[in-house]
Amino acid sequence: NAAVRGALTAGATTVTVNDAHGPMRNLLPDALHPAAR
């Protein structure tokens, strides 16, 4: 989420996050920044 905020501050219009660890189901979708896919 900190990274997403930084991207938006820089002017990002699209932010895609890939959960890339182990089972790739680690990030909490309901707690992820709402601007991120």
Full PDB file with SEQRES, HELIX, SHEET, SSBOND, CRYST1, ORIGX, SCALE, CONECT and MASTER records, all heavy atoms in Angstrom:
SEQRES   1 A   37  ASN ALA ALA VAL ARG GLY ALA LEU THR ALA GLY ALA THR          
SEQRES   2 A   37  THR VAL THR VAL ASN ASP ALA HIS GLY PRO MET ARG ASN          
SEQRES   3 A   37  LEU LEU PRO ASP ALA LEU HIS PRO ALA ALA ARG                  
HELIX    1 AA1 ALA A    2  THR A    9  1                                   8    
HELIX    2 AA2 PRO A   29  ALA A   31  5                                   3    
CRYST1    1.000    1.000    1.000  90.00  90.00  90.00 P 1           1          
ORIGX1      1.000000  0.000000  0.000000        0.00000                         
ORIGX2      0.000000  1.000000  0.000000        0.00000                         
ORIGX3      0.000000  0.000000  1.000000        0.00000                         
SCALE1      1.000000  0.000000  0.000000        0.00000                         
SCALE2      0.000000  1.000000  0.000000        0.00000                         
SCALE3      0.000000  0.000000  1.000000        0.00000                         
ATOM      1  N   ASN A   1       0.823  -1.207   0.000  1.00  0.00           N  
ATOM      2  CA  ASN A   1       0.000   0.000   0.000  1.00  0.00           C  
ATOM      3  C   ASN A   1       0.859   1.258   0.000  1.00  0.00           C  
ATOM      4  O   ASN A   1       0.512   2.257  -0.650  1.00  0.00           O  
ATOM      5  CB  ASN A   1      -0.933  -0.001   1.211  1.00  0.00           C  
ATOM      6  CG  ASN A   1      -2.125  -0.932   1.039  1.00  0.00           C  
ATOM      7  OD1 ASN A   1      -2.441  -1.337  -0.078  1.00  0.00           O  
ATOM      8  ND2 ASN A   1      -2.777  -1.271   2.128  1.00  0.00           N  
ATOM      9  N   ALA A   2       1.971   1.214   0.721  1.00  0.00           N  
ATOM     10  CA  ALA A   2       2.884   2.365   0.715  1.00  0.00           C  
ATOM     11  C   ALA A   2       3.416   2.607  -0.697  1.00  0.00           C  
ATOM     12  O   ALA A   2       3.521   3.757  -1.157  1.00  0.00           O  
ATOM     13  CB  ALA A   2       4.031   2.125   1.689  1.00  0.00           C  
ATOM     14  N   ALA A   3       3.745   1.523  -1.398  1.00  0.00           N  
ATOM     15  CA  ALA A   3       4.241   1.657  -2.766  1.00  0.00           C  
ATOM     16  C   ALA A   3       3.153   2.201  -3.697  1.00  0.00           C  
ATOM     17  O   ALA A   3       3.423   3.021  -4.581  1.00  0.00           O  
ATOM     18  CB  ALA A   3       4.745   0.309  -3.272  1.00  0.00           C  
ATOM     19  N   VAL A   4       1.925   1.739  -3.515  1.00  0.00           N  
ATOM     20  CA  VAL A   4       0.820   2.232  -4.340  1.00  0.00           C  
ATOM     21  C   VAL A   4       0.623   3.727  -4.111  1.00  0.00           C  
ATOM     22  O   VAL A   4       0.453   4.500  -5.072  1.00  0.00           O  
ATOM     23  CB  VAL A   4      -0.482   1.465  -4.030  1.00  0.00           C  
ATOM     24  CG1 VAL A   4      -1.657   2.072  -4.801  1.00  0.00           C  
ATOM     25  CG2 VAL A   4      -0.335  -0.013  -4.392  1.00  0.00           C  
ATOM     26  N   ARG A   5       0.657   4.161  -2.859  1.00  0.00           N  
ATOM     27  CA  ARG A   5       0.518   5.594  -2.574  1.00  0.00           C  
ATOM     28  C   ARG A   5       1.608   6.401  -3.261  1.00  0.00           C  
ATOM     29  O   ARG A   5       1.361   7.470  -3.831  1.00  0.00           O  
ATOM     30  CB  ARG A   5       0.544   5.847  -1.067  1.00  0.00           C  
ATOM     31  CG  ARG A   5      -0.666   5.311  -0.317  1.00  0.00           C  
ATOM     32  CD  ARG A   5      -0.742   5.863   1.091  1.00  0.00           C  
ATOM     33  NE  ARG A   5       0.404   5.501   1.910  1.00  0.00           N  
ATOM     34  CZ  ARG A   5       0.481   4.411   2.659  1.00  0.00           C  
ATOM     35  NH1 ARG A   5      -0.530   3.542   2.690  1.00  0.00           N  
ATOM     36  NH2 ARG A   5       1.559   4.161   3.393  1.00  0.00           N  
ATOM     37  N   GLY A   6       2.824   5.889  -3.226  1.00  0.00           N  
ATOM     38  CA  GLY A   6       3.923   6.581  -3.888  1.00  0.00           C  
ATOM     39  C   GLY A   6       3.710   6.675  -5.387  1.00  0.00           C  
ATOM     40  O   GLY A   6       3.987   7.713  -6.006  1.00  0.00           O  
ATOM     41  N   ALA A   7       3.210   5.587  -5.989  1.00  0.00           N  
ATOM     42  CA  ALA A   7       2.949   5.593  -7.425  1.00  0.00           C  
ATOM     43  C   ALA A   7       1.876   6.616  -7.783  1.00  0.00           C  
ATOM     44  O   ALA A   7       1.995   7.347  -8.776  1.00  0.00           O  
ATOM     45  CB  ALA A   7       2.541   4.202  -7.884  1.00  0.00           C  
ATOM     46  N   LEU A   8       0.827   6.688  -6.976  1.00  0.00           N  
ATOM     47  CA  LEU A   8      -0.243   7.649  -7.243  1.00  0.00           C  
ATOM     48  C   LEU A   8       0.251   9.086  -7.088  1.00  0.00           C  
ATOM     49  O   LEU A   8      -0.119   9.968  -7.876  1.00  0.00           O  
ATOM     50  CB  LEU A   8      -1.423   7.381  -6.307  1.00  0.00           C  
ATOM     51  CG  LEU A   8      -2.126   6.031  -6.500  1.00  0.00           C  
ATOM     52  CD1 LEU A   8      -3.168   5.821  -5.417  1.00  0.00           C  
ATOM     53  CD2 LEU A   8      -2.768   5.934  -7.881  1.00  0.00           C  
ATOM     54  N   THR A   9       1.103   9.305  -6.102  1.00  0.00           N  
ATOM     55  CA  THR A   9       1.678  10.631  -5.917  1.00  0.00           C  
ATOM     56  C   THR A   9       2.466  11.065  -7.144  1.00  0.00           C  
ATOM     57  O   THR A   9       2.460  12.237  -7.536  1.00  0.00           O  
ATOM     58  CB  THR A   9       2.596  10.652  -4.674  1.00  0.00           C  
ATOM     59  OG1 THR A   9       1.805  10.401  -3.506  1.00  0.00           O  
ATOM     60  CG2 THR A   9       3.299  11.996  -4.514  1.00  0.00           C  
ATOM     61  N   ALA A  10       3.134  10.112  -7.782  1.00  0.00           N  
ATOM     62  CA  ALA A  10       3.941  10.406  -8.974  1.00  0.00           C  
ATOM     63  C   ALA A  10       3.102  10.559 -10.235  1.00  0.00           C  
ATOM     64  O   ALA A  10       3.636  10.883 -11.292  1.00  0.00           O  
ATOM     65  CB  ALA A  10       4.988   9.318  -9.172  1.00  0.00           C  
ATOM     66  N   GLY A  11       1.805  10.278 -10.124  1.00  0.00           N  
ATOM     67  CA  GLY A  11       0.935  10.465 -11.275  1.00  0.00           C  
ATOM     68  C   GLY A  11       0.475   9.204 -11.967  1.00  0.00           C  
ATOM     69  O   GLY A  11      -0.050   9.267 -13.088  1.00  0.00           O  
ATOM     70  N   ALA A  12       0.634   8.053 -11.335  1.00  0.00           N  
ATOM     71  CA  ALA A  12       0.202   6.799 -11.958  1.00  0.00           C  
ATOM     72  C   ALA A  12      -1.306   6.804 -12.184  1.00  0.00           C  
ATOM     73  O   ALA A  12      -2.083   7.210 -11.308  1.00  0.00           O  
ATOM     74  CB  ALA A  12       0.594   5.618 -11.083  1.00  0.00           C  
ATOM     75  N   THR A  13      -1.705   6.330 -13.346  1.00  0.00           N  
ATOM     76  CA  THR A  13      -3.130   6.193 -13.664  1.00  0.00           C  
ATOM     77  C   THR A  13      -3.590   4.744 -13.535  1.00  0.00           C  
ATOM     78  O   THR A  13      -4.772   4.477 -13.351  1.00  0.00           O  
ATOM     79  CB  THR A  13      -3.411   6.684 -15.094  1.00  0.00           C  
ATOM     80  OG1 THR A  13      -2.548   6.002 -16.005  1.00  0.00           O  
ATOM     81  CG2 THR A  13      -3.150   8.187 -15.190  1.00  0.00           C  
ATOM     82  N   THR A  14      -2.650   3.817 -13.661  1.00  0.00           N  
ATOM     83  CA  THR A  14      -2.927   2.393 -13.481  1.00  0.00           C  
ATOM     84  C   THR A  14      -1.836   1.803 -12.605  1.00  0.00           C  
ATOM     85  O   THR A  14      -0.650   2.020 -12.865  1.00  0.00           O  
ATOM     86  CB  THR A  14      -2.946   1.640 -14.831  1.00  0.00           C  
ATOM     87  OG1 THR A  14      -3.979   2.179 -15.652  1.00  0.00           O  
ATOM     88  CG2 THR A  14      -3.181   0.152 -14.625  1.00  0.00           C  
ATOM     89  N   VAL A  15      -2.229   1.083 -11.567  1.00  0.00           N  
ATOM     90  CA  VAL A  15      -1.271   0.376 -10.715  1.00  0.00           C  
ATOM     91  C   VAL A  15      -1.724  -1.081 -10.622  1.00  0.00           C  
ATOM     92  O   VAL A  15      -2.806  -1.375 -10.109  1.00  0.00           O  
ATOM     93  CB  VAL A  15      -1.172   0.982  -9.307  1.00  0.00           C  
ATOM     94  CG1 VAL A  15      -0.153   0.197  -8.474  1.00  0.00           C  
ATOM     95  CG2 VAL A  15      -0.803   2.455  -9.362  1.00  0.00           C  
ATOM     96  N   THR A  16      -0.900  -1.981 -11.143  1.00  0.00           N  
ATOM     97  CA  THR A  16      -1.167  -3.415 -11.068  1.00  0.00           C  
ATOM     98  C   THR A  16      -0.209  -4.043 -10.081  1.00  0.00           C  
ATOM     99  O   THR A  16       0.997  -3.823 -10.155  1.00  0.00           O  
ATOM    100  CB  THR A  16      -0.995  -4.082 -12.449  1.00  0.00           C  
ATOM    101  OG1 THR A  16      -1.923  -3.495 -13.366  1.00  0.00           O  
ATOM    102  CG2 THR A  16      -1.236  -5.583 -12.370  1.00  0.00           C  
ATOM    103  N   VAL A  17      -0.739  -4.826  -9.152  1.00  0.00           N  
ATOM    104  CA  VAL A  17       0.072  -5.522  -8.153  1.00  0.00           C  
ATOM    105  C   VAL A  17      -0.004  -7.014  -8.413  1.00  0.00           C  
ATOM    106  O   VAL A  17      -1.103  -7.581  -8.499  1.00  0.00           O  
ATOM    107  CB  VAL A  17      -0.420  -5.213  -6.725  1.00  0.00           C  
ATOM    108  CG1 VAL A  17       0.401  -6.000  -5.697  1.00  0.00           C  
ATOM    109  CG2 VAL A  17      -0.357  -3.719  -6.427  1.00  0.00           C  
ATOM    110  N   ASN A  18       1.148  -7.655  -8.540  1.00  0.00           N  
ATOM    111  CA  ASN A  18       1.209  -9.108  -8.692  1.00  0.00           C  
ATOM    112  C   ASN A  18       1.695  -9.720  -7.386  1.00  0.00           C  
ATOM    113  O   ASN A  18       2.815  -9.453  -6.942  1.00  0.00           O  
ATOM    114  CB  ASN A  18       2.151  -9.495  -9.830  1.00  0.00           C  
ATOM    115  CG  ASN A  18       2.185 -10.999 -10.066  1.00  0.00           C  
ATOM    116  OD1 ASN A  18       1.306 -11.729  -9.630  1.00  0.00           O  
ATOM    117  ND2 ASN A  18       3.208 -11.460 -10.761  1.00  0.00           N  
ATOM    118  N   ASP A  19       0.845 -10.523  -6.754  1.00  0.00           N  
ATOM    119  CA  ASP A  19       1.240 -11.270  -5.555  1.00  0.00           C  
ATOM    120  C   ASP A  19       2.157 -12.395  -6.024  1.00  0.00           C  
ATOM    121  O   ASP A  19       1.715 -13.367  -6.631  1.00  0.00           O  
ATOM    122  CB  ASP A  19      -0.002 -11.823  -4.870  1.00  0.00           C  
ATOM    123  CG  ASP A  19       0.294 -12.448  -3.511  1.00  0.00           C  
ATOM    124  OD1 ASP A  19       1.417 -12.943  -3.306  1.00  0.00           O  
ATOM    125  OD2 ASP A  19      -0.615 -12.459  -2.662  1.00  0.00           O  
ATOM    126  N   ALA A  20       3.457 -12.265  -5.735  1.00  0.00           N  
ATOM    127  CA  ALA A  20       4.469 -13.121  -6.361  1.00  0.00           C  
ATOM    128  C   ALA A  20       5.151 -14.073  -5.388  1.00  0.00           C  
ATOM    129  O   ALA A  20       6.171 -14.663  -5.723  1.00  0.00           O  
ATOM    130  CB  ALA A  20       5.526 -12.235  -7.042  1.00  0.00           C  
ATOM    131  N   HIS A  21       4.605 -14.250  -4.203  1.00  0.00           N  
ATOM    132  CA  HIS A  21       5.256 -15.091  -3.201  1.00  0.00           C  
ATOM    133  C   HIS A  21       4.509 -16.406  -3.001  1.00  0.00           C  
ATOM    134  O   HIS A  21       3.294 -16.426  -2.803  1.00  0.00           O  
ATOM    135  CB  HIS A  21       5.312 -14.358  -1.855  1.00  0.00           C  
ATOM    136  CG  HIS A  21       5.785 -15.236  -0.735  1.00  0.00           C  
ATOM    137  ND1 HIS A  21       7.116 -15.587  -0.571  1.00  0.00           N  
ATOM    138  CD2 HIS A  21       5.111 -15.853   0.268  1.00  0.00           C  
ATOM    139  CE1 HIS A  21       7.241 -16.366   0.495  1.00  0.00           C  
ATOM    140  NE2 HIS A  21       6.044 -16.556   1.015  1.00  0.00           N  
ATOM    141  N   GLY A  22       5.272 -17.508  -3.034  1.00  0.00           N  
ATOM    142  CA  GLY A  22       4.743 -18.818  -2.638  1.00  0.00           C  
ATOM    143  C   GLY A  22       3.420 -19.153  -3.300  1.00  0.00           C  
ATOM    144  O   GLY A  22       3.339 -19.292  -4.528  1.00  0.00           O  
ATOM    145  N   PRO A  23       2.340 -19.278  -2.511  1.00  0.00           N  
ATOM    146  CA  PRO A  23       1.033 -19.635  -3.083  1.00  0.00           C  
ATOM    147  C   PRO A  23       0.422 -18.499  -3.904  1.00  0.00           C  
ATOM    148  O   PRO A  23      -0.577 -18.693  -4.581  1.00  0.00           O  
ATOM    149  CB  PRO A  23       0.179 -19.934  -1.845  1.00  0.00           C  
ATOM    150  CG  PRO A  23       0.800 -19.106  -0.764  1.00  0.00           C  
ATOM    151  CD  PRO A  23       2.277 -19.140  -1.043  1.00  0.00           C  
ATOM    152  N   MET A  24       1.013 -17.323  -3.821  1.00  0.00           N  
ATOM    153  CA  MET A  24       0.551 -16.136  -4.547  1.00  0.00           C  
ATOM    154  C   MET A  24      -0.871 -15.754  -4.141  1.00  0.00           C  
ATOM    155  O   MET A  24      -1.630 -15.187  -4.933  1.00  0.00           O  
ATOM    156  CB  MET A  24       0.692 -16.338  -6.061  1.00  0.00           C  
ATOM    157  CG  MET A  24       2.143 -16.572  -6.460  1.00  0.00           C  
ATOM    158  SD  MET A  24       2.410 -16.656  -8.234  1.00  0.00           S  
ATOM    159  CE  MET A  24       4.210 -16.863  -8.294  1.00  0.00           C  
ATOM    160  N   ARG A  25      -1.202 -16.042  -2.886  1.00  0.00           N  
ATOM    161  CA  ARG A  25      -2.480 -15.649  -2.278  1.00  0.00           C  
ATOM    162  C   ARG A  25      -2.218 -15.067  -0.899  1.00  0.00           C  
ATOM    163  O   ARG A  25      -2.922 -15.368   0.074  1.00  0.00           O  
ATOM    164  CB  ARG A  25      -3.428 -16.851  -2.183  1.00  0.00           C  
ATOM    165  CG  ARG A  25      -3.912 -17.362  -3.530  1.00  0.00           C  
ATOM    166  CD  ARG A  25      -4.906 -18.506  -3.414  1.00  0.00           C  
ATOM    167  NE  ARG A  25      -4.281 -19.724  -2.904  1.00  0.00           N  
ATOM    168  CZ  ARG A  25      -4.452 -20.214  -1.692  1.00  0.00           C  
ATOM    169  NH1 ARG A  25      -5.210 -19.591  -0.811  1.00  0.00           N  
ATOM    170  NH2 ARG A  25      -3.847 -21.324  -1.319  1.00  0.00           N  
ATOM    171  N   ASN A  26      -1.202 -14.220  -0.818  1.00  0.00           N  
ATOM    172  CA  ASN A  26      -0.779 -13.687   0.471  1.00  0.00           C  
ATOM    173  C   ASN A  26      -1.388 -12.323   0.784  1.00  0.00           C  
ATOM    174  O   ASN A  26      -1.823 -12.060   1.909  1.00  0.00           O  
ATOM    175  CB  ASN A  26       0.753 -13.567   0.487  1.00  0.00           C  
ATOM    176  CG  ASN A  26       1.428 -14.839   0.038  1.00  0.00           C  
ATOM    177  OD1 ASN A  26       1.532 -15.805   0.778  1.00  0.00           O  
ATOM    178  ND2 ASN A  26       1.890 -14.855  -1.210  1.00  0.00           N  
ATOM    179  N   LEU A  27      -1.394 -11.440  -0.208  1.00  0.00           N  
ATOM    180  CA  LEU A  27      -1.945 -10.104   0.000  1.00  0.00           C  
ATOM    181  C   LEU A  27      -3.433 -10.182   0.341  1.00  0.00           C  
ATOM    182  O   LEU A  27      -4.159 -11.034  -0.175  1.00  0.00           O  
ATOM    183  CB  LEU A  27      -1.740  -9.251  -1.257  1.00  0.00           C  
ATOM    184  CG  LEU A  27      -0.292  -8.859  -1.547  1.00  0.00           C  
ATOM    185  CD1 LEU A  27      -0.162  -8.311  -2.964  1.00  0.00           C  
ATOM    186  CD2 LEU A  27       0.205  -7.815  -0.537  1.00  0.00           C  
ATOM    187  N   LEU A  28      -3.884  -9.280   1.199  1.00  0.00           N  
ATOM    188  CA  LEU A  28      -5.275  -9.249   1.636  1.00  0.00           C  
ATOM    189  C   LEU A  28      -6.070  -8.327   0.707  1.00  0.00           C  
ATOM    190  O   LEU A  28      -5.934  -7.110   0.775  1.00  0.00           O  
ATOM    191  CB  LEU A  28      -5.351  -8.743   3.073  1.00  0.00           C  
ATOM    192  CG  LEU A  28      -4.538  -9.553   4.091  1.00  0.00           C  
ATOM    193  CD1 LEU A  28      -4.497  -8.849   5.439  1.00  0.00           C  
ATOM    194  CD2 LEU A  28      -5.108 -10.968   4.233  1.00  0.00           C  
ATOM    195  N   PRO A  29      -6.881  -8.881  -0.190  1.00  0.00           N  
ATOM    196  CA  PRO A  29      -7.561  -8.045  -1.187  1.00  0.00           C  
ATOM    197  C   PRO A  29      -8.402  -6.934  -0.587  1.00  0.00           C  
ATOM    198  O   PRO A  29      -8.449  -5.822  -1.120  1.00  0.00           O  
ATOM    199  CB  PRO A  29      -8.423  -9.050  -1.959  1.00  0.00           C  
ATOM    200  CG  PRO A  29      -7.732 -10.360  -1.783  1.00  0.00           C  
ATOM    201  CD  PRO A  29      -7.161 -10.317  -0.397  1.00  0.00           C  
ATOM    202  N   ASP A  30      -9.076  -7.216   0.529  1.00  0.00           N  
ATOM    203  CA  ASP A  30      -9.952  -6.209   1.110  1.00  0.00           C  
ATOM    204  C   ASP A  30      -9.193  -5.115   1.850  1.00  0.00           C  
ATOM    205  O   ASP A  30      -9.770  -4.073   2.185  1.00  0.00           O  
ATOM    206  CB  ASP A  30     -10.976  -6.863   2.052  1.00  0.00           C  
ATOM    207  CG  ASP A  30     -10.340  -7.663   3.168  1.00  0.00           C  
ATOM    208  OD1 ASP A  30      -9.156  -8.030   3.037  1.00  0.00           O  
ATOM    209  OD2 ASP A  30     -11.017  -7.936   4.175  1.00  0.00           O  
ATOM    210  N   ALA A  31      -7.883  -5.340   2.094  1.00  0.00           N  
ATOM    211  CA  ALA A  31      -7.070  -4.324   2.754  1.00  0.00           C  
ATOM    212  C   ALA A  31      -6.118  -3.627   1.790  1.00  0.00           C  
ATOM    213  O   ALA A  31      -5.402  -2.702   2.174  1.00  0.00           O  
ATOM    214  CB  ALA A  31      -6.259  -4.957   3.887  1.00  0.00           C  
ATOM    215  N   LEU A  32      -6.110  -4.076   0.530  1.00  0.00           N  
ATOM    216  CA  LEU A  32      -5.235  -3.474  -0.467  1.00  0.00           C  
ATOM    217  C   LEU A  32      -5.783  -2.112  -0.883  1.00  0.00           C  
ATOM    218  O   LEU A  32      -7.002  -1.911  -0.944  1.00  0.00           O  
ATOM    219  CB  LEU A  32      -5.128  -4.394  -1.684  1.00  0.00           C  
ATOM    220  CG  LEU A  32      -4.092  -4.031  -2.746  1.00  0.00           C  
ATOM    221  CD1 LEU A  32      -2.687  -4.142  -2.183  1.00  0.00           C  
ATOM    222  CD2 LEU A  32      -4.242  -4.945  -3.963  1.00  0.00           C  
ATOM    223  N   HIS A  33      -4.876  -1.194  -1.192  1.00  0.00           N  
ATOM    224  CA  HIS A  33      -5.279   0.148  -1.629  1.00  0.00           C  
ATOM    225  C   HIS A  33      -6.318   0.025  -2.754  1.00  0.00           C  
ATOM    226  O   HIS A  33      -6.114  -0.718  -3.717  1.00  0.00           O  
ATOM    227  CB  HIS A  33      -4.055   0.910  -2.118  1.00  0.00           C  
ATOM    228  CG  HIS A  33      -4.273   2.382  -2.262  1.00  0.00           C  
ATOM    229  ND1 HIS A  33      -5.122   2.917  -3.203  1.00  0.00           N  
ATOM    230  CD2 HIS A  33      -3.751   3.447  -1.577  1.00  0.00           C  
ATOM    231  CE1 HIS A  33      -5.114   4.231  -3.108  1.00  0.00           C  
ATOM    232  NE2 HIS A  33      -4.312   4.578  -2.132  1.00  0.00           N  
ATOM    233  N   PRO A  34      -7.417   0.770  -2.664  1.00  0.00           N  
ATOM    234  CA  PRO A  34      -8.498   0.600  -3.654  1.00  0.00           C  
ATOM    235  C   PRO A  34      -8.127   1.003  -5.070  1.00  0.00           C  
ATOM    236  O   PRO A  34      -8.836   0.639  -6.024  1.00  0.00           O  
ATOM    237  CB  PRO A  34      -9.620   1.500  -3.105  1.00  0.00           C  
ATOM    238  CG  PRO A  34      -8.942   2.475  -2.200  1.00  0.00           C  
ATOM    239  CD  PRO A  34      -7.790   1.728  -1.605  1.00  0.00           C  
ATOM    240  N   ALA A  35      -7.026   1.728  -5.245  1.00  0.00           N  
ATOM    241  CA  ALA A  35      -6.616   2.122  -6.592  1.00  0.00           C  
ATOM    242  C   ALA A  35      -5.865   1.013  -7.323  1.00  0.00           C  
ATOM    243  O   ALA A  35      -5.630   1.115  -8.532  1.00  0.00           O  
ATOM    244  CB  ALA A  35      -5.745   3.370  -6.538  1.00  0.00           C  
ATOM    245  N   ALA A  36      -5.494  -0.051  -6.612  1.00  0.00           N  
ATOM    246  CA  ALA A  36      -4.648  -1.091  -7.203  1.00  0.00           C  
ATOM    247  C   ALA A  36      -5.468  -2.265  -7.709  1.00  0.00           C  
ATOM    248  O   ALA A  36      -6.429  -2.700  -7.070  1.00  0.00           O  
ATOM    249  CB  ALA A  36      -3.640  -1.582  -6.176  1.00  0.00           C  
ATOM    250  N   ARG A  37      -5.068  -2.780  -8.873  1.00  0.00           N  
ATOM    251  CA  ARG A  37      -5.590  -4.039  -9.381  1.00  0.00           C  
ATOM    252  C   ARG A  37      -4.651  -5.152  -8.899  1.00  0.00           C  
ATOM    253  O   ARG A  37      -3.433  -4.976  -8.907  1.00  0.00           O  
ATOM    254  CB  ARG A  37      -5.666  -4.033 -10.903  1.00  0.00           C  
ATOM    255  CG  ARG A  37      -6.596  -2.965 -11.471  1.00  0.00           C  
ATOM    256  CD  ARG A  37      -6.733  -3.108 -12.979  1.00  0.00           C  
ATOM    257  NE  ARG A  37      -7.351  -4.374 -13.341  1.00  0.00           N  
ATOM    258  CZ  ARG A  37      -8.677  -4.578 -13.405  1.00  0.00           C  
ATOM    259  NH1 ARG A  37      -9.494  -3.585 -13.111  1.00  0.00           N  
ATOM    260  NH2 ARG A  37      -9.154  -5.759 -13.753  1.00  0.00           N  
TER     261      ARG A  37                                                      
MASTER        0    0    0    2    0    0    0    6  260    1    0    3          
END                                                                             
